N, C-alpha and C. Protein backbone atom coordinates (compact mmCIF):
# COMPACT_ATOMS: atom_id res chain seq x y z
N MET A 1 -17.64 -6.34 86.45
CA MET A 1 -17.58 -6.51 85.18
C MET A 1 -16.76 -7.69 84.56
N LYS A 2 -15.87 -7.99 85.30
CA LYS A 2 -15.05 -8.90 84.93
C LYS A 2 -15.91 -10.43 85.04
N LYS A 3 -16.67 -10.38 86.07
CA LYS A 3 -17.53 -11.62 86.21
C LYS A 3 -18.60 -11.88 85.24
N LEU A 4 -18.99 -10.74 84.51
CA LEU A 4 -20.14 -10.57 83.67
C LEU A 4 -19.48 -11.31 82.21
N LEU A 5 -18.02 -10.70 82.22
CA LEU A 5 -17.48 -11.00 80.78
C LEU A 5 -17.01 -12.44 80.95
N VAL A 6 -16.75 -13.07 82.07
CA VAL A 6 -16.43 -14.54 82.07
C VAL A 6 -17.68 -15.41 81.92
N ALA A 7 -18.56 -14.95 82.54
CA ALA A 7 -19.97 -15.58 82.41
C ALA A 7 -20.22 -15.78 80.89
N ALA A 8 -20.11 -14.44 80.18
CA ALA A 8 -20.57 -14.40 78.64
C ALA A 8 -19.80 -15.38 78.03
N MET A 9 -18.51 -15.34 78.34
CA MET A 9 -17.60 -16.30 77.66
C MET A 9 -17.68 -17.64 77.74
N LEU A 10 -18.15 -18.01 78.94
CA LEU A 10 -18.40 -19.68 79.41
C LEU A 10 -19.70 -19.83 78.67
N VAL A 11 -20.83 -19.14 78.44
CA VAL A 11 -21.94 -19.36 77.83
C VAL A 11 -21.63 -19.67 76.27
N ALA A 12 -20.89 -18.85 75.75
CA ALA A 12 -20.45 -18.93 74.30
C ALA A 12 -19.66 -20.08 73.99
N PHE A 13 -18.78 -20.43 74.91
CA PHE A 13 -17.76 -21.65 74.67
C PHE A 13 -18.77 -22.95 75.04
N ALA A 14 -19.55 -22.93 75.94
CA ALA A 14 -20.41 -24.07 76.19
C ALA A 14 -21.19 -24.30 74.94
N THR A 15 -21.86 -23.31 74.43
CA THR A 15 -22.71 -23.56 73.32
C THR A 15 -21.91 -24.13 72.09
N VAL A 16 -20.86 -23.65 71.91
CA VAL A 16 -19.90 -24.37 70.80
C VAL A 16 -19.51 -25.91 71.25
N ALA A 17 -19.33 -25.99 72.49
CA ALA A 17 -18.88 -27.35 72.73
C ALA A 17 -20.11 -28.35 72.67
N TYR A 18 -21.34 -27.83 72.85
CA TYR A 18 -22.37 -29.03 72.80
C TYR A 18 -23.14 -28.86 71.46
N ALA A 19 -22.61 -28.09 70.58
CA ALA A 19 -23.40 -28.12 69.18
C ALA A 19 -23.00 -29.42 68.43
N SER A 20 -24.24 -30.03 67.81
CA SER A 20 -24.02 -31.22 67.31
C SER A 20 -23.19 -31.20 66.13
N ASP A 21 -22.49 -32.30 65.89
CA ASP A 21 -21.73 -32.38 64.65
C ASP A 21 -22.28 -32.40 63.47
N THR A 22 -23.53 -32.99 63.38
CA THR A 22 -24.40 -33.31 62.39
C THR A 22 -25.85 -33.02 62.76
N VAL A 23 -26.41 -32.43 61.61
CA VAL A 23 -27.98 -32.13 62.01
C VAL A 23 -28.73 -32.76 60.69
N VAL A 24 -29.64 -33.65 61.01
CA VAL A 24 -30.25 -34.22 59.75
C VAL A 24 -31.68 -33.41 59.67
N MET A 25 -31.99 -32.87 58.58
CA MET A 25 -33.41 -32.25 58.37
C MET A 25 -34.04 -33.00 57.26
N GLU A 26 -35.24 -33.45 57.77
CA GLU A 26 -36.33 -34.13 57.07
C GLU A 26 -36.95 -33.29 56.00
N ALA A 27 -36.99 -33.99 54.79
CA ALA A 27 -37.66 -33.35 53.72
C ALA A 27 -38.31 -34.50 52.85
N LYS A 28 -39.39 -34.11 52.16
CA LYS A 28 -40.10 -35.03 51.19
C LYS A 28 -39.21 -35.52 50.28
N ASN A 29 -38.41 -34.79 49.71
CA ASN A 29 -37.57 -35.28 48.43
C ASN A 29 -36.28 -35.87 48.99
N GLY A 30 -36.03 -36.28 50.15
CA GLY A 30 -34.70 -36.70 50.73
C GLY A 30 -34.26 -35.87 51.81
N ASN A 31 -33.75 -36.62 52.87
CA ASN A 31 -33.28 -35.93 54.04
C ASN A 31 -32.01 -35.19 53.69
N VAL A 32 -31.68 -33.91 54.33
CA VAL A 32 -30.57 -33.11 54.15
C VAL A 32 -29.80 -33.44 55.51
N THR A 33 -28.37 -33.88 55.34
CA THR A 33 -27.62 -34.05 56.45
C THR A 33 -26.58 -32.82 56.49
N PHE A 34 -26.53 -31.98 57.36
CA PHE A 34 -25.77 -30.74 57.49
C PHE A 34 -24.74 -31.03 58.41
N ASN A 35 -23.44 -30.73 57.97
CA ASN A 35 -22.34 -31.15 58.70
C ASN A 35 -21.92 -29.85 59.54
N HIS A 36 -22.39 -29.64 60.84
CA HIS A 36 -22.15 -28.49 61.48
C HIS A 36 -20.77 -28.30 61.91
N LYS A 37 -20.10 -29.26 62.40
CA LYS A 37 -18.59 -29.20 62.58
C LYS A 37 -17.89 -28.56 61.45
N ASN A 38 -17.99 -29.13 60.40
CA ASN A 38 -17.15 -28.62 59.23
C ASN A 38 -17.50 -27.03 58.94
N HIS A 39 -18.83 -26.70 58.91
CA HIS A 39 -19.29 -25.32 58.75
C HIS A 39 -18.69 -24.36 59.88
N SER A 40 -18.71 -24.67 61.09
CA SER A 40 -18.34 -24.05 62.18
C SER A 40 -16.85 -23.79 62.22
N ALA A 41 -16.08 -24.62 61.62
CA ALA A 41 -14.70 -24.61 61.49
C ALA A 41 -14.24 -23.48 60.50
N SER A 42 -15.12 -23.30 59.62
CA SER A 42 -14.64 -22.23 58.50
C SER A 42 -15.56 -20.95 58.54
N MET A 43 -16.29 -20.80 59.31
CA MET A 43 -17.12 -19.59 59.37
C MET A 43 -17.64 -19.23 60.78
N GLU A 44 -17.93 -17.90 60.85
CA GLU A 44 -18.42 -17.54 62.19
C GLU A 44 -19.89 -17.93 62.52
N CYS A 45 -20.29 -18.24 63.68
CA CYS A 45 -21.57 -18.75 63.95
C CYS A 45 -22.62 -17.71 63.63
N LYS A 46 -22.39 -16.37 63.67
CA LYS A 46 -23.58 -15.33 63.26
C LYS A 46 -23.84 -15.57 61.82
N VAL A 47 -23.07 -16.07 60.97
CA VAL A 47 -23.54 -16.18 59.53
C VAL A 47 -24.74 -16.79 59.43
N CYS A 48 -24.94 -17.92 60.26
CA CYS A 48 -26.31 -18.63 60.09
C CYS A 48 -27.33 -18.35 61.37
N HIS A 49 -26.62 -18.25 62.59
CA HIS A 49 -27.24 -17.88 63.92
C HIS A 49 -27.60 -16.47 64.15
N GLY A 50 -27.11 -15.58 63.43
CA GLY A 50 -27.51 -14.15 63.81
C GLY A 50 -26.61 -13.79 64.98
N GLU A 51 -26.77 -12.50 65.53
CA GLU A 51 -25.94 -11.97 66.47
C GLU A 51 -26.17 -12.70 67.60
N GLY A 52 -25.44 -12.39 68.77
CA GLY A 52 -25.69 -12.75 70.12
C GLY A 52 -25.34 -14.45 70.23
N THR A 53 -25.65 -15.08 71.27
CA THR A 53 -25.32 -16.25 71.57
C THR A 53 -25.67 -17.27 70.62
N PRO A 54 -25.16 -18.18 70.03
CA PRO A 54 -25.81 -19.01 69.04
C PRO A 54 -26.68 -20.09 69.82
N SER A 55 -27.78 -20.42 69.15
CA SER A 55 -28.63 -21.44 69.59
C SER A 55 -29.38 -22.20 68.52
N LYS A 56 -29.99 -23.12 68.78
CA LYS A 56 -30.75 -23.95 67.74
C LYS A 56 -31.50 -23.16 66.70
N ILE A 57 -31.49 -23.21 65.51
CA ILE A 57 -32.29 -22.64 64.65
C ILE A 57 -33.22 -23.64 63.95
N ASP A 58 -34.44 -23.06 63.96
CA ASP A 58 -35.70 -23.74 63.14
C ASP A 58 -35.53 -23.23 61.62
N ILE A 59 -35.36 -24.07 60.72
CA ILE A 59 -35.14 -23.61 59.56
C ILE A 59 -36.13 -24.54 58.63
N ASP A 60 -37.00 -23.54 57.61
CA ASP A 60 -37.78 -24.31 56.74
C ASP A 60 -37.08 -24.36 55.41
N LYS A 61 -37.93 -25.01 54.50
CA LYS A 61 -37.33 -24.96 53.23
C LYS A 61 -36.99 -23.62 52.51
N LYS A 62 -37.64 -22.61 52.48
CA LYS A 62 -37.45 -21.48 51.85
C LYS A 62 -36.17 -20.64 52.68
N ALA A 63 -36.18 -20.74 53.82
CA ALA A 63 -34.95 -20.18 54.55
C ALA A 63 -33.73 -21.08 54.34
N ALA A 64 -33.79 -22.34 54.44
CA ALA A 64 -32.66 -23.24 53.95
C ALA A 64 -32.02 -22.85 52.59
N HIS A 65 -32.95 -22.72 51.68
CA HIS A 65 -32.55 -22.53 50.28
C HIS A 65 -32.02 -21.32 50.21
N ALA A 66 -32.47 -20.20 50.88
CA ALA A 66 -32.01 -18.86 50.92
C ALA A 66 -30.52 -18.74 51.58
N LEU A 67 -30.51 -19.38 52.79
CA LEU A 67 -29.25 -19.15 53.46
C LEU A 67 -28.20 -20.21 53.00
N CYS A 68 -28.33 -21.57 52.97
CA CYS A 68 -27.60 -22.54 52.47
C CYS A 68 -27.04 -22.57 51.06
N LYS A 69 -28.18 -22.67 50.21
CA LYS A 69 -27.81 -22.81 48.77
C LYS A 69 -27.31 -21.72 48.19
N ASP A 70 -27.85 -20.34 48.73
CA ASP A 70 -27.19 -19.17 48.13
C ASP A 70 -25.80 -18.95 48.50
N CYS A 71 -25.51 -19.27 49.90
CA CYS A 71 -24.08 -19.10 50.39
C CYS A 71 -23.27 -19.99 49.43
N HIS A 72 -23.74 -21.47 49.31
CA HIS A 72 -22.79 -22.20 48.47
C HIS A 72 -22.62 -21.56 46.93
N LYS A 73 -23.51 -21.03 46.44
CA LYS A 73 -23.58 -20.51 45.04
C LYS A 73 -22.58 -19.42 45.15
N THR A 74 -22.66 -18.42 46.08
CA THR A 74 -21.74 -17.40 46.28
C THR A 74 -20.36 -17.81 46.29
N LYS A 75 -20.06 -18.62 47.15
CA LYS A 75 -18.80 -18.99 47.46
C LYS A 75 -18.16 -20.18 46.52
N LYS A 76 -19.01 -20.45 45.45
CA LYS A 76 -18.65 -21.61 44.63
C LYS A 76 -17.99 -22.62 45.32
N GLN A 77 -18.75 -23.12 46.17
CA GLN A 77 -18.28 -24.17 46.86
C GLN A 77 -19.43 -24.95 47.87
N GLY A 78 -19.39 -26.23 47.69
CA GLY A 78 -20.50 -27.16 48.33
C GLY A 78 -21.52 -27.34 47.39
N PRO A 79 -22.57 -28.15 47.80
CA PRO A 79 -23.67 -28.38 46.78
C PRO A 79 -24.52 -27.24 46.49
N THR A 80 -25.19 -27.35 45.34
CA THR A 80 -26.11 -26.37 44.94
C THR A 80 -27.26 -27.17 44.16
N LYS A 81 -27.16 -28.30 43.82
CA LYS A 81 -28.14 -29.08 43.03
C LYS A 81 -29.00 -30.06 44.07
N CYS A 82 -30.31 -30.15 43.96
CA CYS A 82 -31.22 -30.82 44.80
C CYS A 82 -30.64 -32.36 45.20
N LYS A 83 -30.24 -32.99 44.21
CA LYS A 83 -29.82 -34.41 44.68
C LYS A 83 -28.40 -34.40 45.40
N GLU A 84 -27.71 -33.12 45.35
CA GLU A 84 -26.46 -33.10 46.14
C GLU A 84 -26.59 -33.03 47.56
N CYS A 85 -28.07 -32.35 48.01
CA CYS A 85 -28.13 -32.32 49.36
C CYS A 85 -29.36 -33.36 49.79
N HIS A 86 -30.26 -33.38 48.94
CA HIS A 86 -31.32 -34.37 49.38
C HIS A 86 -31.01 -35.73 49.11
N VAL A 87 -30.98 -36.68 50.12
CA VAL A 87 -30.58 -38.15 49.81
C VAL A 87 -31.95 -38.97 50.35
N LYS A 88 -32.43 -39.87 49.25
CA LYS A 88 -33.28 -40.63 49.85
C LYS A 88 -32.81 -41.93 50.31
């Protein structure tokens, strides 16, 4: 049991250690640069990645607006207007 717990912890910490500091998402109206390091410092991984071991998520326009923009509006923090995220 201890070995399983240690293995699970190693996987979790390795995932966090190798997570990109920034992620650039291409968009027609300007690319969006997401600062993963800042977000992961202030919130739990499961907020974006769901339960379980965090892994890369593929996010489309509809999902990004629902997850990112809605979170920023709710917290009254971060960009909420198009040009604040989308940079040409």
